Amino acid sequence: MTPDTIRFRPSTLLLVAWCIPAFLVATLTGVGIGLAAHLIWPAGSWPYAAGSLTWLIVFVIGAAGAMWHFFSIHYELDDRHISVCLGVFWKVCRTTPLEKITNIDIRQGPLGWLLGLGEIWIQTASSGSQEPEVKLTGLPGVKRVRDMILERCDLAKRGGVPSAGGLSAKETTDILAMLSQISETLKSIEKKLGSRG
């Protein structure tokens, strides 16, 4: 039995983090336009109106861009591949075979640590650079997601054969040896019963 396909997305906290720069840029631009308008029209409410309108326009454009990009991001993990799809106008979907994965790193900056979010960088032998083949951004419970990917990688590298209930190789070998002994004992009992009859 192969594992089900898991579809997931970044946390909405990532969207909040992306809107903070839009807010700051809008505020600085609005204040700048307001001051410039005050120098041109020292009297009246024109400077406040110009600054407020500029703030609103810049913030709405920045926040809308962040939202469109955020809602375009989709991750998918099945028993053979991990896929990342994103993009508003130019859609990009990258699929990486799990058996080709060589390294999985967790990255978490100060803001990510504060929000409880992290990134997973996945590299393959063909990556050949510092940049990852696949980057999963804005994930809560990043260690759990990494462990899930590692488990699927291990399964894919074994050809889709699941381990015996999550047992270690030594435990599996011990169980197989015990089953072999039981089989020999049953054959011996069967032989003795057959010779009596």
C-alpha atoms as a PDB file:
ATOM      1  CA  MET A   1       0.000   0.000   0.000  1.00  0.00           C
ATOM      2  CA  THR A   2       1.473   3.358  -1.030  1.00  0.00           C
ATOM      3  CA  PRO A   3       1.033   6.528   1.025  1.00  0.00           C
ATOM      4  CA  ASP A   4      -1.636   9.018  -0.009  1.00  0.00           C
ATOM      5  CA  THR A   5      -0.799  12.265  -1.752  1.00  0.00           C
ATOM      6  CA  ILE A   6      -0.444  15.108   0.735  1.00  0.00           C
ATOM      7  CA  ARG A   7      -1.291  18.628  -0.434  1.00  0.00           C
ATOM      8  CA  PHE A   8      -0.341  21.579   1.735  1.00  0.00           C
ATOM      9  CA  ARG A   9       0.267  25.322   1.610  1.00  0.00           C
ATOM     10  CA  PRO A  10       2.259  27.916   3.531  1.00  0.00           C
ATOM     11  CA  SER A  11       0.806  29.335   6.736  1.00  0.00           C
ATOM     12  CA  THR A  12      -1.252  32.524   6.459  1.00  0.00           C
ATOM     13  CA  LEU A  13       1.258  34.053   8.890  1.00  0.00           C
ATOM     14  CA  LEU A  14       3.625  34.197   5.914  1.00  0.00           C
ATOM     15  CA  LEU A  15       1.130  36.478   4.151  1.00  0.00           C
ATOM     16  CA  VAL A  16       1.072  38.733   7.221  1.00  0.00           C
ATOM     17  CA  ALA A  17       4.893  38.847   7.184  1.00  0.00           C
ATOM     18  CA  TRP A  18       4.843  39.740   3.472  1.00  0.00           C
ATOM     19  CA  CYS A  19       2.342  42.589   4.052  1.00  0.00           C
ATOM     20  CA  ILE A  20       4.580  44.266   6.658  1.00  0.00           C
ATOM     21  CA  PRO A  21       7.046  45.617   4.015  1.00  0.00           C
ATOM     22  CA  ALA A  22       4.093  46.855   1.928  1.00  0.00           C
ATOM     23  CA  PHE A  23       2.811  48.725   4.991  1.00  0.00           C
ATOM     24  CA  LEU A  24       6.229  50.255   5.716  1.00  0.00           C
ATOM     25  CA  VAL A  25       6.847  51.296   2.103  1.00  0.00           C
ATOM     26  CA  ALA A  26       3.333  52.761   1.872  1.00  0.00           C
ATOM     27  CA  THR A  27       3.828  54.695   5.107  1.00  0.00           C
ATOM     28  CA  LEU A  28       7.186  56.127   4.038  1.00  0.00           C
ATOM     29  CA  THR A  29       5.855  57.020   0.583  1.00  0.00           C
ATOM     30  CA  GLY A  30       2.694  58.596   2.014  1.00  0.00           C
ATOM     31  CA  VAL A  31       4.675  60.674   4.510  1.00  0.00           C
ATOM     32  CA  GLY A  32       7.083  61.769   1.767  1.00  0.00           C
ATOM     33  CA  ILE A  33       4.276  62.794  -0.589  1.00  0.00           C
ATOM     34  CA  GLY A  34       2.481  64.534   2.287  1.00  0.00           C
ATOM     35  CA  LEU A  35       5.595  66.553   3.164  1.00  0.00           C
ATOM     36  CA  ALA A  36       6.213  67.429  -0.481  1.00  0.00           C
ATOM     37  CA  ALA A  37       2.572  68.529  -0.845  1.00  0.00           C
ATOM     38  CA  HIS A  38       2.907  70.619   2.315  1.00  0.00           C
ATOM     39  CA  LEU A  39       5.873  72.439   0.785  1.00  0.00           C
ATOM     40  CA  ILE A  40       3.912  73.115  -2.414  1.00  0.00           C
ATOM     41  CA  TRP A  41       0.554  73.899  -0.746  1.00  0.00           C
ATOM     42  CA  PRO A  42       1.354  75.054   2.778  1.00  0.00           C
ATOM     43  CA  ALA A  43      -2.266  75.871   3.613  1.00  0.00           C
ATOM     44  CA  GLY A  44      -5.286  73.602   3.519  1.00  0.00           C
ATOM     45  CA  SER A  45      -5.794  69.870   3.735  1.00  0.00           C
ATOM     46  CA  TRP A  46      -4.100  69.005   0.423  1.00  0.00           C
ATOM     47  CA  PRO A  47      -0.936  67.576   2.034  1.00  0.00           C
ATOM     48  CA  TYR A  48      -2.952  65.205   4.240  1.00  0.00           C
ATOM     49  CA  ALA A  49      -5.172  64.113   1.369  1.00  0.00           C
ATOM     50  CA  ALA A  50      -2.199  63.550  -0.953  1.00  0.00           C
ATOM     51  CA  GLY A  51      -0.259  61.610   1.718  1.00  0.00           C
ATOM     52  CA  SER A  52      -3.285  59.484   2.701  1.00  0.00           C
ATOM     53  CA  LEU A  53      -4.223  58.706  -0.895  1.00  0.00           C
ATOM     54  CA  THR A  54      -0.630  57.772  -1.744  1.00  0.00           C
ATOM     55  CA  TRP A  55      -0.425  55.536   1.340  1.00  0.00           C
ATOM     56  CA  LEU A  56      -3.663  53.784   0.395  1.00  0.00           C
ATOM     57  CA  ILE A  57      -2.657  53.196  -3.238  1.00  0.00           C
ATOM     58  CA  VAL A  58       0.843  51.917  -2.418  1.00  0.00           C
ATOM     59  CA  PHE A  59      -0.382  49.652   0.399  1.00  0.00           C
ATOM     60  CA  VAL A  60      -3.240  48.175  -1.649  1.00  0.00           C
ATOM     61  CA  ILE A  61      -0.915  47.427  -4.591  1.00  0.00           C
ATOM     62  CA  GLY A  62       1.754  45.878  -2.311  1.00  0.00           C
ATOM     63  CA  ALA A  63      -0.723  43.833  -0.257  1.00  0.00           C
ATOM     64  CA  ALA A  64      -2.607  42.657  -3.373  1.00  0.00           C
ATOM     65  CA  GLY A  65       0.653  41.502  -4.974  1.00  0.00           C
ATOM     66  CA  ALA A  66       1.622  39.642  -1.803  1.00  0.00           C
ATOM     67  CA  MET A  67      -1.822  38.001  -1.598  1.00  0.00           C
ATOM     68  CA  TRP A  68      -1.873  36.916  -5.240  1.00  0.00           C
ATOM     69  CA  HIS A  69       1.572  35.387  -4.942  1.00  0.00           C
ATOM     70  CA  PHE A  70       0.768  33.746  -1.591  1.00  0.00           C
ATOM     71  CA  PHE A  71      -2.430  32.083  -2.827  1.00  0.00           C
ATOM     72  CA  SER A  72      -0.617  30.754  -5.913  1.00  0.00           C
ATOM     73  CA  ILE A  73       1.768  28.609  -3.808  1.00  0.00           C
ATOM     74  CA  HIS A  74       0.901  24.915  -3.521  1.00  0.00           C
ATOM     75  CA  TYR A  75       3.012  21.986  -2.317  1.00  0.00           C
ATOM     76  CA  GLU A  76       2.337  18.315  -3.033  1.00  0.00           C
ATOM     77  CA  LEU A  77       4.035  15.195  -1.688  1.00  0.00           C
ATOM     78  CA  ASP A  78       3.269  11.668  -2.887  1.00  0.00           C
ATOM     79  CA  ASP A  79       5.128   8.371  -2.686  1.00  0.00           C
ATOM     80  CA  ARG A  80       7.481   9.257  -5.581  1.00  0.00           C
ATOM     81  CA  HIS A  81       7.727  13.057  -5.976  1.00  0.00           C
ATOM     82  CA  ILE A  82       7.555  16.407  -4.252  1.00  0.00           C
ATOM     83  CA  SER A  83       6.079  19.271  -6.280  1.00  0.00           C
ATOM     84  CA  VAL A  84       6.031  23.031  -5.829  1.00  0.00           C
ATOM     85  CA  CYS A  85       3.689  25.198  -7.916  1.00  0.00           C
ATOM     86  CA  LEU A  86       3.642  28.998  -7.742  1.00  0.00           C
ATOM     87  CA  GLY A  87       3.256  32.141  -9.811  1.00  0.00           C
ATOM     88  CA  VAL A  88       0.501  34.596 -10.655  1.00  0.00           C
ATOM     89  CA  PHE A  89       1.129  35.452 -14.289  1.00  0.00           C
ATOM     90  CA  TRP A  90       3.899  32.953 -15.047  1.00  0.00           C
ATOM     91  CA  LYS A  91       3.051  29.642 -13.401  1.00  0.00           C
ATOM     92  CA  VAL A  92       5.988  27.432 -12.439  1.00  0.00           C
ATOM     93  CA  CYS A  93       5.563  23.825 -11.281  1.00  0.00           C
ATOM     94  CA  ARG A  94       8.709  21.952 -10.298  1.00  0.00           C
ATOM     95  CA  THR A  95       8.573  18.227  -9.555  1.00  0.00           C
ATOM     96  CA  THR A  96      11.507  16.451  -7.932  1.00  0.00           C
ATOM     97  CA  PRO A  97      11.803  12.647  -7.593  1.00  0.00           C
ATOM     98  CA  LEU A  98      12.185  11.657  -3.932  1.00  0.00           C
ATOM     99  CA  GLU A  99      14.887   9.077  -4.649  1.00  0.00           C
ATOM    100  CA  LYS A 100      17.118  11.836  -6.090  1.00  0.00           C
ATOM    101  CA  ILE A 101      17.045  13.936  -2.898  1.00  0.00           C
ATOM    102  CA  THR A 102      20.428  14.070  -1.173  1.00  0.00           C
ATOM    103  CA  ASN A 103      19.949  16.724   1.500  1.00  0.00           C
ATOM    104  CA  ILE A 104      17.092  18.409   3.383  1.00  0.00           C
ATOM    105  CA  ASP A 105      17.846  21.537   5.441  1.00  0.00           C
ATOM    106  CA  ILE A 106      15.646  23.593   7.735  1.00  0.00           C
ATOM    107  CA  ARG A 107      16.108  27.380   7.598  1.00  0.00           C
ATOM    108  CA  GLN A 108      14.540  29.771  10.081  1.00  0.00           C
ATOM    109  CA  GLY A 109      15.359  33.464  10.445  1.00  0.00           C
ATOM    110  CA  PRO A 110      14.442  35.728  13.374  1.00  0.00           C
ATOM    111  CA  LEU A 111      11.003  36.638  11.953  1.00  0.00           C
ATOM    112  CA  GLY A 112      10.307  32.982  11.110  1.00  0.00           C
ATOM    113  CA  TRP A 113      11.325  31.944  14.609  1.00  0.00           C
ATOM    114  CA  LEU A 114       9.038  34.619  16.080  1.00  0.00           C
ATOM    115  CA  LEU A 115       6.084  33.490  13.928  1.00  0.00           C
ATOM    116  CA  GLY A 116       6.855  29.769  14.300  1.00  0.00           C
ATOM    117  CA  LEU A 117       7.525  29.367  10.572  1.00  0.00           C
ATOM    118  CA  GLY A 118      10.447  27.888   8.681  1.00  0.00           C
ATOM    119  CA  GLU A 119      11.731  26.935   5.257  1.00  0.00           C
ATOM    120  CA  ILE A 120      12.779  23.547   3.959  1.00  0.00           C
ATOM    121  CA  TRP A 121      15.579  23.536   1.392  1.00  0.00           C
ATOM    122  CA  ILE A 122      15.785  20.334  -0.637  1.00  0.00           C
ATOM    123  CA  GLN A 123      18.874  19.542  -2.688  1.00  0.00           C
ATOM    124  CA  THR A 124      19.629  16.815  -5.184  1.00  0.00           C
ATOM    125  CA  ALA A 125      22.888  15.690  -6.747  1.00  0.00           C
ATOM    126  CA  SER A 126      22.015  17.740  -9.834  1.00  0.00           C
ATOM    127  CA  SER A 127      21.582  20.973  -7.806  1.00  0.00           C
ATOM    128  CA  GLY A 128      25.350  21.526  -7.730  1.00  0.00           C
ATOM    129  CA  SER A 129      25.102  24.939  -6.027  1.00  0.00           C
ATOM    130  CA  GLN A 130      24.177  26.587  -2.758  1.00  0.00           C
ATOM    131  CA  GLU A 131      20.633  27.230  -3.999  1.00  0.00           C
ATOM    132  CA  PRO A 132      18.189  24.392  -3.347  1.00  0.00           C
ATOM    133  CA  GLU A 133      16.418  22.389  -6.014  1.00  0.00           C
ATOM    134  CA  VAL A 134      13.156  22.884  -4.082  1.00  0.00           C
ATOM    135  CA  LYS A 135      12.285  25.483  -1.447  1.00  0.00           C
ATOM    136  CA  LEU A 136       9.204  25.103   0.761  1.00  0.00           C
ATOM    137  CA  THR A 137       8.491  28.453   2.442  1.00  0.00           C
ATOM    138  CA  GLY A 138       6.317  29.535   5.373  1.00  0.00           C
ATOM    139  CA  LEU A 139       5.753  26.148   6.970  1.00  0.00           C
ATOM    140  CA  PRO A 140       4.529  25.730  10.537  1.00  0.00           C
ATOM    141  CA  GLY A 141       5.813  22.580  12.256  1.00  0.00           C
ATOM    142  CA  VAL A 142       8.770  22.558   9.877  1.00  0.00           C
ATOM    143  CA  LYS A 143      10.528  19.639  11.645  1.00  0.00           C
ATOM    144  CA  ARG A 144       7.436  17.453  11.320  1.00  0.00           C
ATOM    145  CA  VAL A 145       7.184  18.262   7.600  1.00  0.00           C
ATOM    146  CA  ARG A 146      10.907  17.490   7.128  1.00  0.00           C
ATOM    147  CA  ASP A 147      10.500  14.121   8.904  1.00  0.00           C
ATOM    148  CA  MET A 148       7.502  13.305   6.706  1.00  0.00           C
ATOM    149  CA  ILE A 149       9.531  14.067   3.559  1.00  0.00           C
ATOM    150  CA  LEU A 150      12.484  12.003   4.842  1.00  0.00           C
ATOM    151  CA  GLU A 151      10.164   9.067   5.517  1.00  0.00           C
ATOM    152  CA  ARG A 152       8.758   9.266   1.981  1.00  0.00           C
ATOM    153  CA  CYS A 153      12.310   9.569   0.557  1.00  0.00           C
ATOM    154  CA  ASP A 154      13.362   6.444   2.415  1.00  0.00           C
ATOM    155  CA  LEU A 155      10.296   4.613   1.132  1.00  0.00           C
ATOM    156  CA  ALA A 156      10.952   5.743  -2.470  1.00  0.00           C
ATOM    157  CA  LYS A 157      14.617   4.663  -2.292  1.00  0.00           C
ATOM    158  CA  ARG A 158      13.524   1.187  -1.145  1.00  0.00           C
ATOM    159  CA  GLY A 159      11.256   0.915  -4.180  1.00  0.00           C
ATOM    160  CA  GLY A 160       8.024   1.658  -2.316  1.00  0.00           C
ATOM    161  CA  VAL A 161       8.386  -1.229   0.124  1.00  0.00           C
ATOM    162  CA  PRO A 162       7.422  -0.011   3.600  1.00  0.00           C
ATOM    163  CA  SER A 163       9.489  -1.043   6.562  1.00  0.00           C
ATOM    164  CA  ALA A 164       8.035  -3.659   8.902  1.00  0.00           C
ATOM    165  CA  GLY A 165       5.905  -1.382  11.085  1.00  0.00           C
ATOM    166  CA  GLY A 166       8.669   1.166  11.400  1.00  0.00           C
ATOM    167  CA  LEU A 167      11.074  -1.405  12.899  1.00  0.00           C
ATOM    168  CA  SER A 168      14.813  -1.025  12.645  1.00  0.00           C
ATOM    169  CA  ALA A 169      16.855  -3.298  10.385  1.00  0.00           C
ATOM    170  CA  LYS A 170      18.151  -5.290  13.400  1.00  0.00           C
ATOM    171  CA  GLU A 171      14.618  -5.794  14.785  1.00  0.00           C
ATOM    172  CA  THR A 172      13.404  -6.932  11.372  1.00  0.00           C
ATOM    173  CA  THR A 173      16.330  -9.385  11.086  1.00  0.00           C
ATOM    174  CA  ASP A 174      15.621 -10.767  14.587  1.00  0.00           C
ATOM    175  CA  ILE A 175      11.934 -11.285  13.738  1.00  0.00           C
ATOM    176  CA  LEU A 176      12.836 -13.058  10.483  1.00  0.00           C
ATOM    177  CA  ALA A 177      15.284 -15.331  12.360  1.00  0.00           C
ATOM    178  CA  MET A 178      12.622 -16.168  14.949  1.00  0.00           C
ATOM    179  CA  LEU A 179      10.068 -16.934  12.208  1.00  0.00           C
ATOM    180  CA  SER A 180      12.628 -19.193  10.536  1.00  0.00           C
ATOM    181  CA  GLN A 181      13.137 -21.084  13.834  1.00  0.00           C
ATOM    182  CA  ILE A 182       9.369 -21.446  14.283  1.00  0.00           C
ATOM    183  CA  SER A 183       9.108 -22.800  10.737  1.00  0.00           C
ATOM    184  CA  GLU A 184      11.860 -25.368  11.403  1.00  0.00           C
ATOM    185  CA  THR A 185      10.170 -26.424  14.669  1.00  0.00           C
ATOM    186  CA  LEU A 186       6.818 -26.867  12.931  1.00  0.00           C
ATOM    187  CA  LYS A 187       8.452 -28.968  10.191  1.00  0.00           C
ATOM    188  CA  SER A 188      10.083 -31.117  12.867  1.00  0.00           C
ATOM    189  CA  ILE A 189       6.745 -31.615  14.677  1.00  0.00           C
ATOM    190  CA  GLU A 190       5.011 -32.413  11.394  1.00  0.00           C
ATOM    191  CA  LYS A 191       7.704 -35.024  10.592  1.00  0.00           C
ATOM    192  CA  LYS A 192       7.305 -36.685  14.004  1.00  0.00           C
ATOM    193  CA  LEU A 193       3.521 -36.765  13.705  1.00  0.00           C
ATOM    194  CA  GLY A 194       3.796 -38.181  10.175  1.00  0.00           C
ATOM    195  CA  SER A 195       6.153 -40.959  11.300  1.00  0.00           C
ATOM    196  CA  ARG A 196       3.711 -42.067  14.082  1.00  0.00           C
ATOM    197  CA  GLY A 197       0.867 -42.453  11.656  1.00  0.00           C
END
